[in-house]
């Protein structure tokens, strides 16, 4: 296992995912949309033979059976840690422990994310310490490392507009070289959903697509 993609997913339960979309879509609607987004990302990043291995890190920890039934045939690992930074650091540590030489970690709500993005990130790691994919909201949708660097994930104000800039500043302070990928948009708000709708719609179940399209009209 030399190159690994780690994907973070949550159990698509109403009331636990996409909170900023709940006022518009309701808890059940936000959960249905998250489920669809995650399925798009999982399909789009499925590797071809020999490209990389993939590990799916899930939360909450008791949802293993639910996740395995949802997306069978994958390698599932429970997320560990008290905040997002700790969970990401633990995921990198686990992937490197399993023998990875390069690891890229992504979330599960970026419709534009592709297998090509993963391959580009992995290909840049022999020449760079860190790869970052900036998100339109000021965070990042992808981070890649060629060795564990836990300090990159500590003391960050997660889910704020300054995460990408703060990470770049910290990497510079540590003397790390960083490759920056093209910006992508994750779907957290109604504005995000509208912006990504042309890309997302073809991948949705027709009933869900029709429902959301009527709501967006």
N, C-alpha and C. Protein backbone atom coordinates (compact mmCIF):
# COMPACT_ATOMS: atom_id res chain seq x y z
N UNK A 1 0.86 -1.20 0.00
CA UNK A 1 0.00 0.00 0.00
C UNK A 1 0.89 1.24 0.00
N UNK A 2 1.14 1.82 -1.16
CA UNK A 2 2.04 2.97 -1.22
C UNK A 2 1.30 4.29 -1.37
N UNK A 3 0.22 4.31 -2.13
CA UNK A 3 -0.58 5.53 -2.29
C UNK A 3 -1.99 5.25 -1.81
N UNK A 4 -2.51 6.13 -0.97
CA UNK A 4 -3.81 5.90 -0.34
C UNK A 4 -4.67 7.16 -0.43
N UNK A 5 -5.94 6.96 -0.75
CA UNK A 5 -6.95 7.99 -0.62
C UNK A 5 -7.79 7.67 0.60
N UNK A 6 -7.90 8.61 1.52
CA UNK A 6 -8.78 8.49 2.68
C UNK A 6 -9.97 9.42 2.45
N UNK A 7 -11.17 8.89 2.63
CA UNK A 7 -12.38 9.68 2.46
C UNK A 7 -13.13 9.73 3.79
N UNK A 8 -13.49 10.92 4.22
CA UNK A 8 -14.28 11.09 5.44
C UNK A 8 -15.76 11.12 5.09
N UNK A 9 -16.54 10.28 5.77
CA UNK A 9 -17.98 10.24 5.59
C UNK A 9 -18.68 10.19 6.93
N UNK A 10 -19.91 10.69 6.95
CA UNK A 10 -20.78 10.57 8.11
C UNK A 10 -21.96 9.68 7.76
N UNK A 11 -22.52 9.03 8.74
CA UNK A 11 -23.77 8.32 8.51
C UNK A 11 -24.83 9.34 8.12
N UNK A 12 -25.55 9.12 7.03
CA UNK A 12 -26.51 10.12 6.53
C UNK A 12 -27.81 10.13 7.31
N UNK A 13 -27.71 10.49 8.57
CA UNK A 13 -28.87 10.48 9.46
C UNK A 13 -29.48 11.86 9.59
N UNK A 14 -30.80 11.98 9.51
CA UNK A 14 -31.45 13.28 9.68
C UNK A 14 -31.05 13.94 11.00
N UNK A 15 -30.73 15.23 10.91
CA UNK A 15 -30.38 15.97 12.10
C UNK A 15 -28.91 15.94 12.45
N UNK A 16 -28.11 15.17 11.71
CA UNK A 16 -26.68 15.07 12.04
C UNK A 16 -25.77 15.52 10.92
N UNK A 17 -26.31 15.82 9.75
CA UNK A 17 -25.49 16.23 8.60
C UNK A 17 -26.07 17.50 7.97
N UNK A 18 -25.19 18.29 7.36
CA UNK A 18 -25.56 19.49 6.63
C UNK A 18 -26.49 20.43 7.42
N UNK A 19 -26.07 20.86 8.61
CA UNK A 19 -26.96 21.68 9.45
C UNK A 19 -27.35 23.01 8.82
N UNK A 20 -26.48 23.58 7.98
CA UNK A 20 -26.81 24.87 7.39
C UNK A 20 -27.85 24.76 6.28
N UNK A 21 -28.11 23.54 5.82
CA UNK A 21 -29.15 23.34 4.83
C UNK A 21 -30.48 22.90 5.45
N UNK A 22 -30.47 22.59 6.74
CA UNK A 22 -31.69 22.12 7.40
C UNK A 22 -32.81 23.17 7.36
N UNK A 23 -32.53 24.46 7.59
CA UNK A 23 -33.64 25.41 7.54
C UNK A 23 -34.36 25.43 6.19
N UNK A 24 -33.63 25.15 5.12
CA UNK A 24 -34.24 25.17 3.79
C UNK A 24 -34.83 23.82 3.39
N UNK A 25 -34.12 22.75 3.69
CA UNK A 25 -34.50 21.42 3.20
C UNK A 25 -35.14 20.55 4.26
N UNK A 26 -35.06 20.94 5.52
CA UNK A 26 -35.50 20.06 6.60
C UNK A 26 -34.43 19.04 6.91
N UNK A 27 -34.53 18.42 8.07
CA UNK A 27 -33.51 17.44 8.46
C UNK A 27 -33.46 16.26 7.51
N UNK A 28 -34.61 15.74 7.12
CA UNK A 28 -34.64 14.59 6.22
C UNK A 28 -34.11 14.96 4.84
N UNK A 29 -34.49 16.14 4.34
CA UNK A 29 -34.02 16.56 3.03
C UNK A 29 -32.52 16.80 3.01
N UNK A 30 -31.98 17.41 4.06
CA UNK A 30 -30.54 17.63 4.14
C UNK A 30 -29.79 16.30 4.19
N UNK A 31 -30.35 15.32 4.89
CA UNK A 31 -29.71 14.00 4.97
C UNK A 31 -29.74 13.30 3.61
N UNK A 32 -30.85 13.42 2.90
CA UNK A 32 -30.94 12.82 1.56
C UNK A 32 -29.92 13.45 0.62
N UNK A 33 -29.78 14.77 0.70
CA UNK A 33 -28.81 15.44 -0.15
C UNK A 33 -27.40 15.02 0.22
N UNK A 34 -27.09 14.96 1.52
CA UNK A 34 -25.75 14.53 1.92
C UNK A 34 -25.46 13.13 1.41
N UNK A 35 -26.42 12.25 1.53
CA UNK A 35 -26.23 10.88 1.05
C UNK A 35 -25.88 10.87 -0.44
N UNK A 36 -26.61 11.69 -1.22
CA UNK A 36 -26.34 11.77 -2.65
C UNK A 36 -24.97 12.35 -2.94
N UNK A 37 -24.59 13.42 -2.21
CA UNK A 37 -23.27 14.01 -2.39
C UNK A 37 -22.16 13.00 -2.13
N UNK A 38 -22.30 12.26 -1.03
CA UNK A 38 -21.28 11.28 -0.68
C UNK A 38 -21.18 10.19 -1.74
N UNK A 39 -22.30 9.76 -2.26
CA UNK A 39 -22.28 8.73 -3.30
C UNK A 39 -21.59 9.24 -4.57
N UNK A 40 -21.80 10.51 -4.90
CA UNK A 40 -21.12 11.10 -6.05
C UNK A 40 -19.61 11.09 -5.84
N UNK A 41 -19.16 11.51 -4.66
CA UNK A 41 -17.72 11.56 -4.38
C UNK A 41 -17.12 10.16 -4.38
N UNK A 42 -17.78 9.21 -3.75
CA UNK A 42 -17.26 7.85 -3.71
C UNK A 42 -17.14 7.27 -5.12
N UNK A 43 -18.14 7.51 -5.94
CA UNK A 43 -18.08 7.01 -7.32
C UNK A 43 -16.98 7.71 -8.12
N UNK A 44 -16.86 9.03 -7.95
CA UNK A 44 -15.91 9.81 -8.75
C UNK A 44 -14.46 9.53 -8.38
N UNK A 45 -14.21 9.08 -7.17
CA UNK A 45 -12.83 8.84 -6.72
C UNK A 45 -12.47 7.36 -6.68
N UNK A 46 -13.33 6.51 -7.23
CA UNK A 46 -13.02 5.08 -7.24
C UNK A 46 -11.78 4.85 -8.11
N UNK A 47 -10.74 4.24 -7.56
CA UNK A 47 -9.50 4.10 -8.33
C UNK A 47 -9.58 2.99 -9.38
N UNK A 48 -8.80 3.16 -10.39
CA UNK A 48 -8.58 2.08 -11.34
C UNK A 48 -7.42 1.23 -10.84
N UNK A 49 -7.28 0.06 -11.41
CA UNK A 49 -6.30 -0.91 -10.91
C UNK A 49 -4.90 -0.29 -10.84
N UNK A 50 -4.30 -0.40 -9.67
CA UNK A 50 -2.92 0.02 -9.49
C UNK A 50 -2.71 1.49 -9.20
N UNK A 51 -3.78 2.30 -9.20
CA UNK A 51 -3.60 3.73 -8.99
C UNK A 51 -3.37 4.09 -7.52
N UNK A 52 -4.26 3.66 -6.66
CA UNK A 52 -4.14 3.90 -5.23
C UNK A 52 -5.15 3.03 -4.51
N UNK A 53 -4.93 2.84 -3.23
CA UNK A 53 -5.89 2.15 -2.39
C UNK A 53 -6.79 3.21 -1.74
N UNK A 54 -7.96 2.77 -1.28
CA UNK A 54 -8.90 3.72 -0.69
C UNK A 54 -9.41 3.20 0.65
N UNK A 55 -9.43 4.09 1.63
CA UNK A 55 -9.94 3.80 2.96
C UNK A 55 -11.06 4.80 3.26
N UNK A 56 -12.20 4.31 3.73
CA UNK A 56 -13.31 5.18 4.08
C UNK A 56 -13.41 5.28 5.60
N UNK A 57 -13.23 6.49 6.11
CA UNK A 57 -13.27 6.75 7.55
C UNK A 57 -14.64 7.31 7.90
N UNK A 58 -15.34 6.65 8.83
CA UNK A 58 -16.73 6.99 9.08
C UNK A 58 -16.96 7.47 10.50
N UNK A 59 -18.06 8.20 10.66
CA UNK A 59 -18.54 8.63 11.97
C UNK A 59 -20.07 8.61 11.93
N UNK A 60 -20.71 8.31 13.08
CA UNK A 60 -20.13 7.96 14.38
C UNK A 60 -19.63 6.51 14.38
N UNK A 61 -18.89 6.18 15.43
CA UNK A 61 -18.22 4.89 15.47
C UNK A 61 -19.18 3.70 15.48
N UNK A 62 -20.39 3.91 16.02
CA UNK A 62 -21.33 2.77 16.10
C UNK A 62 -22.06 2.53 14.78
N UNK A 63 -21.73 3.30 13.74
CA UNK A 63 -22.46 3.19 12.48
C UNK A 63 -21.84 2.22 11.48
N UNK A 64 -20.92 1.37 11.91
CA UNK A 64 -20.21 0.51 10.95
C UNK A 64 -21.18 -0.33 10.11
N UNK A 65 -22.11 -1.01 10.73
CA UNK A 65 -23.03 -1.87 9.97
C UNK A 65 -23.84 -1.04 8.97
N UNK A 66 -24.27 0.13 9.40
CA UNK A 66 -25.03 1.03 8.53
C UNK A 66 -24.20 1.46 7.32
N UNK A 67 -22.95 1.80 7.55
CA UNK A 67 -22.09 2.26 6.47
C UNK A 67 -21.75 1.11 5.51
N UNK A 68 -21.48 -0.06 6.06
CA UNK A 68 -21.16 -1.21 5.21
C UNK A 68 -22.34 -1.62 4.34
N UNK A 69 -23.56 -1.47 4.88
CA UNK A 69 -24.75 -1.78 4.09
C UNK A 69 -24.98 -0.72 3.01
N UNK A 70 -24.65 0.52 3.33
CA UNK A 70 -24.85 1.62 2.39
C UNK A 70 -23.89 1.51 1.20
N UNK A 71 -22.61 1.33 1.46
CA UNK A 71 -21.60 1.28 0.41
C UNK A 71 -20.76 0.02 0.62
N UNK A 72 -21.25 -1.12 0.16
CA UNK A 72 -20.56 -2.38 0.41
C UNK A 72 -19.27 -2.50 -0.40
N UNK A 73 -18.41 -3.39 0.10
CA UNK A 73 -17.18 -3.69 -0.62
C UNK A 73 -16.05 -2.72 -0.38
N UNK A 74 -16.20 -1.80 0.57
CA UNK A 74 -15.16 -0.83 0.87
C UNK A 74 -14.44 -1.20 2.17
N UNK A 75 -13.29 -0.56 2.39
CA UNK A 75 -12.57 -0.72 3.65
C UNK A 75 -13.01 0.41 4.58
N UNK A 76 -13.67 0.05 5.67
CA UNK A 76 -14.25 1.03 6.59
C UNK A 76 -13.44 1.10 7.88
N UNK A 77 -13.14 2.32 8.32
CA UNK A 77 -12.41 2.55 9.56
C UNK A 77 -13.12 3.66 10.33
N UNK A 78 -13.38 3.45 11.61
CA UNK A 78 -14.04 4.46 12.42
C UNK A 78 -13.11 5.65 12.65
N UNK A 79 -13.66 6.86 12.52
CA UNK A 79 -12.90 8.05 12.85
C UNK A 79 -12.65 8.11 14.35
N UNK A 80 -11.48 8.64 14.72
CA UNK A 80 -11.11 8.78 16.12
C UNK A 80 -10.62 10.20 16.39
N UNK A 81 -11.08 10.79 17.47
CA UNK A 81 -10.61 12.13 17.82
C UNK A 81 -11.74 13.01 18.28
N UNK A 82 -11.39 14.04 19.04
CA UNK A 82 -12.40 14.89 19.65
C UNK A 82 -12.83 16.05 18.76
N UNK A 83 -12.04 16.40 17.76
CA UNK A 83 -12.44 17.43 16.80
C UNK A 83 -11.94 17.03 15.43
N UNK A 84 -12.28 17.84 14.42
CA UNK A 84 -11.92 17.48 13.05
C UNK A 84 -10.42 17.33 12.87
N UNK A 85 -9.65 18.22 13.47
CA UNK A 85 -8.21 18.12 13.34
C UNK A 85 -7.66 16.83 13.90
N UNK A 86 -8.14 16.44 15.07
CA UNK A 86 -7.68 15.19 15.68
C UNK A 86 -8.09 14.00 14.84
N UNK A 87 -9.29 14.06 14.25
CA UNK A 87 -9.74 12.94 13.42
C UNK A 87 -8.91 12.82 12.15
N UNK A 88 -8.57 13.96 11.55
CA UNK A 88 -7.73 13.92 10.35
C UNK A 88 -6.33 13.41 10.67
N UNK A 89 -5.77 13.91 11.76
CA UNK A 89 -4.44 13.46 12.16
C UNK A 89 -4.43 11.95 12.41
N UNK A 90 -5.47 11.45 13.07
CA UNK A 90 -5.55 10.01 13.35
C UNK A 90 -5.71 9.21 12.06
N UNK A 91 -6.45 9.75 11.10
CA UNK A 91 -6.63 9.04 9.83
C UNK A 91 -5.31 8.94 9.07
N UNK A 92 -4.56 10.03 9.04
CA UNK A 92 -3.24 9.97 8.40
C UNK A 92 -2.35 8.96 9.11
N UNK A 93 -2.35 8.99 10.43
CA UNK A 93 -1.51 8.06 11.18
C UNK A 93 -1.87 6.61 10.86
N UNK A 94 -3.17 6.33 10.76
CA UNK A 94 -3.60 4.97 10.46
C UNK A 94 -3.19 4.56 9.05
N UNK A 95 -3.35 5.44 8.08
CA UNK A 95 -2.97 5.10 6.71
C UNK A 95 -1.47 4.85 6.60
N UNK A 96 -0.66 5.70 7.24
CA UNK A 96 0.79 5.48 7.21
C UNK A 96 1.15 4.21 7.98
N UNK A 97 0.44 3.92 9.05
CA UNK A 97 0.70 2.69 9.81
C UNK A 97 0.46 1.46 8.95
N UNK A 98 -0.49 1.56 8.04
CA UNK A 98 -0.80 0.44 7.15
C UNK A 98 0.17 0.31 5.98
N UNK A 99 1.14 1.20 5.92
CA UNK A 99 2.18 1.07 4.90
C UNK A 99 2.15 2.09 3.79
N UNK A 100 1.29 3.08 3.89
CA UNK A 100 1.21 4.09 2.85
C UNK A 100 2.48 4.95 2.83
N UNK A 101 2.86 5.36 1.63
CA UNK A 101 3.96 6.29 1.49
C UNK A 101 3.48 7.69 1.13
N UNK A 102 2.28 7.76 0.61
CA UNK A 102 1.64 9.04 0.26
C UNK A 102 0.16 8.89 0.57
N UNK A 103 -0.42 9.91 1.21
CA UNK A 103 -1.83 9.83 1.61
C UNK A 103 -2.51 11.15 1.26
N UNK A 104 -3.68 11.03 0.63
CA UNK A 104 -4.54 12.17 0.35
C UNK A 104 -5.86 11.94 1.07
N UNK A 105 -6.34 12.97 1.76
CA UNK A 105 -7.60 12.89 2.50
C UNK A 105 -8.58 13.91 1.93
N UNK A 106 -9.82 13.46 1.71
CA UNK A 106 -10.87 14.35 1.19
C UNK A 106 -12.14 14.18 2.00
N UNK A 107 -13.03 15.16 1.85
CA UNK A 107 -14.36 15.05 2.42
C UNK A 107 -15.31 14.42 1.42
N UNK A 108 -16.61 14.48 1.74
CA UNK A 108 -17.58 13.75 0.93
C UNK A 108 -18.71 14.64 0.42
N UNK A 109 -18.40 15.94 0.22
CA UNK A 109 -19.47 16.85 -0.21
C UNK A 109 -19.01 17.84 -1.28
N UNK A 110 -18.06 17.42 -2.12
CA UNK A 110 -17.52 18.29 -3.18
C UNK A 110 -17.85 17.66 -4.53
N UNK A 111 -18.92 18.08 -5.19
CA UNK A 111 -19.33 17.42 -6.44
C UNK A 111 -18.29 17.47 -7.54
N UNK A 112 -17.41 18.49 -7.53
CA UNK A 112 -16.42 18.62 -8.59
C UNK A 112 -15.19 17.75 -8.37
N UNK A 113 -15.08 17.13 -7.22
CA UNK A 113 -13.91 16.31 -6.93
C UNK A 113 -13.87 15.11 -7.86
N UNK A 114 -12.67 14.78 -8.34
CA UNK A 114 -12.54 13.68 -9.29
C UNK A 114 -11.34 12.81 -8.95
N UNK A 115 -11.32 11.66 -9.57
CA UNK A 115 -10.17 10.77 -9.49
C UNK A 115 -8.92 11.49 -9.97
N UNK A 116 -9.08 12.34 -10.98
CA UNK A 116 -7.94 13.10 -11.49
C UNK A 116 -7.34 14.02 -10.45
N UNK A 117 -8.18 14.64 -9.62
CA UNK A 117 -7.66 15.47 -8.54
C UNK A 117 -6.81 14.65 -7.57
N UNK A 118 -7.29 13.47 -7.26
CA UNK A 118 -6.54 12.59 -6.35
C UNK A 118 -5.20 12.22 -6.95
N UNK A 119 -5.21 11.83 -8.23
CA UNK A 119 -3.96 11.44 -8.89
C UNK A 119 -2.99 12.61 -8.97
N UNK A 120 -3.49 13.81 -9.25
CA UNK A 120 -2.63 14.99 -9.30
C UNK A 120 -2.00 15.25 -7.94
N UNK A 121 -2.80 15.14 -6.89
CA UNK A 121 -2.29 15.36 -5.54
C UNK A 121 -1.22 14.32 -5.18
N UNK A 122 -1.51 13.07 -5.45
CA UNK A 122 -0.54 12.01 -5.14
C UNK A 122 0.75 12.18 -5.93
N UNK A 123 0.63 12.59 -7.19
CA UNK A 123 1.81 12.75 -8.03
C UNK A 123 2.71 13.89 -7.57
N UNK A 124 2.13 14.87 -6.89
CA UNK A 124 2.92 16.02 -6.44
C UNK A 124 3.64 15.77 -5.12
N UNK A 125 3.24 14.72 -4.40
CA UNK A 125 3.80 14.51 -3.06
C UNK A 125 5.28 14.14 -3.05
N UNK A 126 5.83 13.44 -4.04
CA UNK A 126 7.28 13.22 -3.99
C UNK A 126 8.09 14.51 -4.00
N UNK A 127 7.51 15.59 -4.54
CA UNK A 127 8.23 16.86 -4.63
C UNK A 127 7.79 17.88 -3.58
N UNK A 128 6.70 17.60 -2.89
CA UNK A 128 6.17 18.55 -1.91
C UNK A 128 5.81 17.82 -0.62
N UNK A 129 5.90 18.53 0.49
CA UNK A 129 5.54 17.95 1.78
C UNK A 129 4.03 17.87 1.97
N UNK A 130 3.33 18.85 1.42
CA UNK A 130 1.89 18.99 1.64
C UNK A 130 1.22 19.36 0.33
N UNK A 131 0.02 18.83 0.12
CA UNK A 131 -0.84 19.26 -0.98
C UNK A 131 -2.15 19.74 -0.37
N UNK A 132 -2.64 20.90 -0.81
CA UNK A 132 -3.90 21.43 -0.32
C UNK A 132 -4.80 21.80 -1.49
N UNK A 133 -6.08 21.47 -1.36
CA UNK A 133 -7.09 21.90 -2.31
C UNK A 133 -7.98 22.92 -1.63
N UNK A 134 -7.84 24.19 -1.95
CA UNK A 134 -8.63 25.21 -1.28
C UNK A 134 -10.10 25.14 -1.65
N UNK A 135 -10.96 25.34 -0.68
CA UNK A 135 -12.40 25.38 -0.91
C UNK A 135 -12.86 26.83 -1.03
N UNK A 136 -13.97 27.02 -1.71
CA UNK A 136 -14.47 28.37 -1.96
C UNK A 136 -14.85 29.09 -0.67
N UNK A 137 -15.12 28.34 0.39
CA UNK A 137 -15.53 28.97 1.65
C UNK A 137 -14.37 29.32 2.57
N UNK A 138 -13.13 29.14 2.09
CA UNK A 138 -11.96 29.48 2.90
C UNK A 138 -11.34 28.31 3.63
N UNK A 139 -11.95 27.16 3.55
CA UNK A 139 -11.35 25.95 4.11
C UNK A 139 -10.57 25.20 3.03
N UNK A 140 -10.46 23.90 3.19
CA UNK A 140 -9.88 23.09 2.12
C UNK A 140 -10.64 21.78 2.01
N UNK A 141 -10.71 21.29 0.76
CA UNK A 141 -11.45 20.05 0.48
C UNK A 141 -10.53 18.85 0.36
N UNK A 142 -9.22 19.09 0.29
CA UNK A 142 -8.25 18.01 0.12
C UNK A 142 -6.97 18.40 0.82
N UNK A 143 -6.36 17.43 1.49
CA UNK A 143 -5.04 17.60 2.06
C UNK A 143 -4.26 16.32 1.85
N UNK A 144 -3.03 16.46 1.40
CA UNK A 144 -2.18 15.30 1.16
C UNK A 144 -0.84 15.45 1.86
N UNK A 145 -0.31 14.34 2.36
CA UNK A 145 0.96 14.33 3.06
C UNK A 145 1.79 13.14 2.62
N UNK A 146 3.11 13.27 2.73
CA UNK A 146 3.98 12.11 2.48
C UNK A 146 4.57 11.55 3.77
N UNK A 147 4.21 12.17 4.89
CA UNK A 147 4.56 11.68 6.22
C UNK A 147 3.60 12.33 7.21
N UNK A 148 3.41 11.75 8.38
CA UNK A 148 2.53 12.38 9.36
C UNK A 148 3.06 13.75 9.80
N UNK A 149 2.18 14.74 9.85
CA UNK A 149 2.54 16.08 10.36
C UNK A 149 1.40 16.53 11.27
N UNK A 150 1.29 15.98 12.48
CA UNK A 150 0.14 16.27 13.34
C UNK A 150 -0.05 17.74 13.64
N UNK A 151 1.03 18.53 13.68
CA UNK A 151 0.91 19.94 14.05
C UNK A 151 0.09 20.74 13.04
N UNK A 152 -0.06 20.22 11.83
CA UNK A 152 -0.89 20.91 10.84
C UNK A 152 -2.36 20.94 11.23
N UNK A 153 -2.74 20.06 12.14
CA UNK A 153 -4.17 19.88 12.45
C UNK A 153 -4.54 20.29 13.88
N UNK A 154 -3.62 20.88 14.59
CA UNK A 154 -3.90 21.25 15.98
C UNK A 154 -4.15 22.75 16.08
N UNK A 155 -5.09 23.11 16.95
CA UNK A 155 -5.34 24.51 17.24
C UNK A 155 -5.94 25.32 16.11
N UNK A 156 -6.60 24.66 15.17
CA UNK A 156 -7.24 25.36 14.06
C UNK A 156 -8.70 25.65 14.38
N UNK A 157 -9.19 26.78 13.88
CA UNK A 157 -10.60 27.13 14.04
C UNK A 157 -11.38 26.50 12.88
N UNK A 158 -11.71 25.23 13.04
CA UNK A 158 -12.34 24.47 11.96
C UNK A 158 -13.70 25.05 11.61
N UNK A 159 -14.09 24.83 10.35
CA UNK A 159 -15.38 25.31 9.83
C UNK A 159 -15.47 26.83 9.83
N UNK A 160 -14.33 27.50 9.66
CA UNK A 160 -14.31 28.94 9.51
C UNK A 160 -13.62 29.29 8.20
N UNK A 161 -13.73 30.57 7.82
CA UNK A 161 -13.21 31.01 6.52
C UNK A 161 -11.69 31.15 6.51
N UNK A 162 -11.03 30.96 7.63
CA UNK A 162 -9.59 31.17 7.67
C UNK A 162 -8.75 29.92 7.72
N UNK A 163 -9.37 28.76 7.55
CA UNK A 163 -8.63 27.50 7.75
C UNK A 163 -7.54 27.31 6.70
N UNK A 164 -7.85 27.55 5.45
CA UNK A 164 -6.84 27.36 4.40
C UNK A 164 -5.67 28.31 4.62
N UNK A 165 -5.96 29.60 4.85
CA UNK A 165 -4.89 30.58 5.05
C UNK A 165 -4.05 30.24 6.28
N UNK A 166 -4.70 29.82 7.35
CA UNK A 166 -3.97 29.48 8.57
C UNK A 166 -3.09 28.26 8.36
N UNK A 167 -3.58 27.30 7.58
CA UNK A 167 -2.78 26.10 7.29
C UNK A 167 -1.58 26.44 6.43
N UNK A 168 -1.77 27.30 5.44
CA UNK A 168 -0.65 27.74 4.61
C UNK A 168 0.39 28.47 5.46
N UNK A 169 -0.08 29.31 6.37
CA UNK A 169 0.84 30.06 7.24
C UNK A 169 1.62 29.11 8.15
N UNK A 170 0.93 28.13 8.70
CA UNK A 170 1.62 27.18 9.57
C UNK A 170 2.63 26.36 8.80
N UNK A 171 2.25 25.91 7.60
CA UNK A 171 3.19 25.13 6.78
C UNK A 171 4.44 25.95 6.46
N UNK A 172 4.24 27.23 6.15
CA UNK A 172 5.40 28.09 5.86
C UNK A 172 6.29 28.22 7.09
N UNK A 173 5.65 28.36 8.25
CA UNK A 173 6.42 28.48 9.48
C UNK A 173 7.23 27.23 9.80
N UNK A 174 6.75 26.09 9.33
CA UNK A 174 7.44 24.82 9.55
C UNK A 174 8.45 24.52 8.44
N UNK A 175 8.52 25.39 7.44
CA UNK A 175 9.44 25.17 6.34
C UNK A 175 8.99 24.09 5.37
N UNK A 176 7.69 23.86 5.30
CA UNK A 176 7.15 22.80 4.43
C UNK A 176 6.81 23.37 3.06
N UNK A 177 7.09 22.60 2.03
CA UNK A 177 6.69 23.00 0.68
C UNK A 177 5.26 22.53 0.43
N UNK A 178 4.45 23.39 -0.19
CA UNK A 178 3.03 23.12 -0.38
C UNK A 178 2.67 23.27 -1.85
N UNK A 179 1.98 22.29 -2.38
CA UNK A 179 1.38 22.37 -3.72
C UNK A 179 -0.10 22.70 -3.53
N UNK A 180 -0.58 23.70 -4.26
CA UNK A 180 -1.98 24.12 -4.15
C UNK A 180 -2.73 23.72 -5.41
N UNK A 181 -3.83 23.01 -5.24
CA UNK A 181 -4.66 22.55 -6.34
C UNK A 181 -5.71 23.60 -6.69
N UNK A 182 -6.44 23.41 -7.79
CA UNK A 182 -7.52 24.35 -8.12
C UNK A 182 -8.59 24.39 -7.04
N UNK A 183 -9.21 25.55 -6.91
CA UNK A 183 -10.27 25.71 -5.93
C UNK A 183 -11.50 24.91 -6.32
N UNK A 184 -12.17 24.34 -5.32
CA UNK A 184 -13.43 23.63 -5.52
C UNK A 184 -14.43 24.14 -4.47
N UNK A 185 -15.69 23.80 -4.69
CA UNK A 185 -16.74 24.24 -3.77
C UNK A 185 -17.38 23.02 -3.10
N UNK A 186 -17.43 23.04 -1.78
CA UNK A 186 -18.21 22.02 -1.09
C UNK A 186 -19.63 22.57 -0.88
N UNK A 187 -20.57 21.67 -0.70
CA UNK A 187 -21.98 22.07 -0.62
C UNK A 187 -22.40 22.08 0.83
N UNK A 188 -22.41 23.28 1.41
CA UNK A 188 -22.82 23.46 2.80
C UNK A 188 -24.03 24.37 2.94
N UNK A 189 -24.25 25.23 1.96
CA UNK A 189 -25.31 26.24 2.05
C UNK A 189 -26.19 26.18 0.81
N UNK A 190 -27.29 26.91 0.85
CA UNK A 190 -28.17 27.01 -0.31
C UNK A 190 -27.42 27.63 -1.49
N UNK A 191 -26.60 28.63 -1.21
CA UNK A 191 -25.80 29.25 -2.27
C UNK A 191 -24.89 28.22 -2.94
N UNK A 192 -24.25 27.37 -2.13
CA UNK A 192 -23.39 26.32 -2.68
C UNK A 192 -24.20 25.37 -3.56
N UNK A 193 -25.37 24.99 -3.08
CA UNK A 193 -26.22 24.06 -3.83
C UNK A 193 -26.61 24.64 -5.18
N UNK A 194 -26.97 25.90 -5.19
CA UNK A 194 -27.32 26.55 -6.46
C UNK A 194 -26.12 26.57 -7.41
N UNK A 195 -24.96 26.91 -6.89
CA UNK A 195 -23.76 27.02 -7.71
C UNK A 195 -23.35 25.68 -8.31
N UNK A 196 -23.52 24.61 -7.54
CA UNK A 196 -23.08 23.29 -7.99
C UNK A 196 -24.20 22.49 -8.65
N UNK A 197 -25.40 23.04 -8.72
CA UNK A 197 -26.53 22.29 -9.21
C UNK A 197 -26.33 21.71 -10.62
N UNK A 198 -25.83 22.46 -11.60
CA UNK A 198 -25.65 21.86 -12.94
C UNK A 198 -24.72 20.66 -12.93
N UNK A 199 -23.72 20.68 -12.06
CA UNK A 199 -22.79 19.56 -11.97
C UNK A 199 -23.39 18.39 -11.19
N UNK A 200 -24.18 18.73 -10.18
CA UNK A 200 -24.70 17.70 -9.28
C UNK A 200 -25.92 16.99 -9.84
N UNK A 201 -26.80 17.73 -10.49
CA UNK A 201 -28.10 17.19 -10.88
C UNK A 201 -28.02 15.88 -11.66
N UNK A 202 -27.12 15.73 -12.65
CA UNK A 202 -27.12 14.48 -13.43
C UNK A 202 -26.82 13.23 -12.62
N UNK A 203 -26.26 13.42 -11.45
CA UNK A 203 -25.87 12.26 -10.64
C UNK A 203 -26.92 11.87 -9.60
N UNK A 204 -27.98 12.65 -9.49
CA UNK A 204 -28.96 12.41 -8.44
C UNK A 204 -30.06 11.45 -8.89
N UNK A 205 -30.64 10.78 -7.92
CA UNK A 205 -31.86 10.03 -8.17
C UNK A 205 -32.90 10.98 -8.77
N UNK A 206 -33.61 10.56 -9.83
CA UNK A 206 -34.55 11.49 -10.50
C UNK A 206 -35.58 12.11 -9.57
N UNK A 207 -36.07 11.35 -8.61
CA UNK A 207 -37.07 11.90 -7.70
C UNK A 207 -36.47 13.00 -6.83
N UNK A 208 -35.28 12.76 -6.30
CA UNK A 208 -34.62 13.78 -5.48
C UNK A 208 -34.25 14.99 -6.32
N UNK A 209 -33.76 14.75 -7.54
CA UNK A 209 -33.40 15.86 -8.42
C UNK A 209 -34.61 16.74 -8.72
N UNK A 210 -35.74 16.12 -9.03
CA UNK A 210 -36.96 16.88 -9.34
C UNK A 210 -37.41 17.68 -8.13
N UNK A 211 -37.34 17.07 -6.96
CA UNK A 211 -37.75 17.75 -5.73
C UNK A 211 -36.88 18.96 -5.44
N UNK A 212 -35.57 18.78 -5.56
CA UNK A 212 -34.65 19.89 -5.29
C UNK A 212 -34.74 20.97 -6.37
N UNK A 213 -34.92 20.55 -7.60
CA UNK A 213 -35.03 21.52 -8.68
C UNK A 213 -36.27 22.39 -8.52
N UNK A 214 -37.37 21.79 -8.11
CA UNK A 214 -38.58 22.56 -7.86
C UNK A 214 -38.36 23.54 -6.71
N UNK A 215 -37.62 23.12 -5.70
CA UNK A 215 -37.36 24.00 -4.57
C UNK A 215 -36.44 25.14 -4.97
N UNK A 216 -35.45 24.85 -5.85
CA UNK A 216 -34.49 25.88 -6.26
C UNK A 216 -35.09 26.88 -7.25
N UNK A 217 -36.15 26.49 -7.92
CA UNK A 217 -36.73 27.34 -8.97
C UNK A 217 -37.27 28.66 -8.39
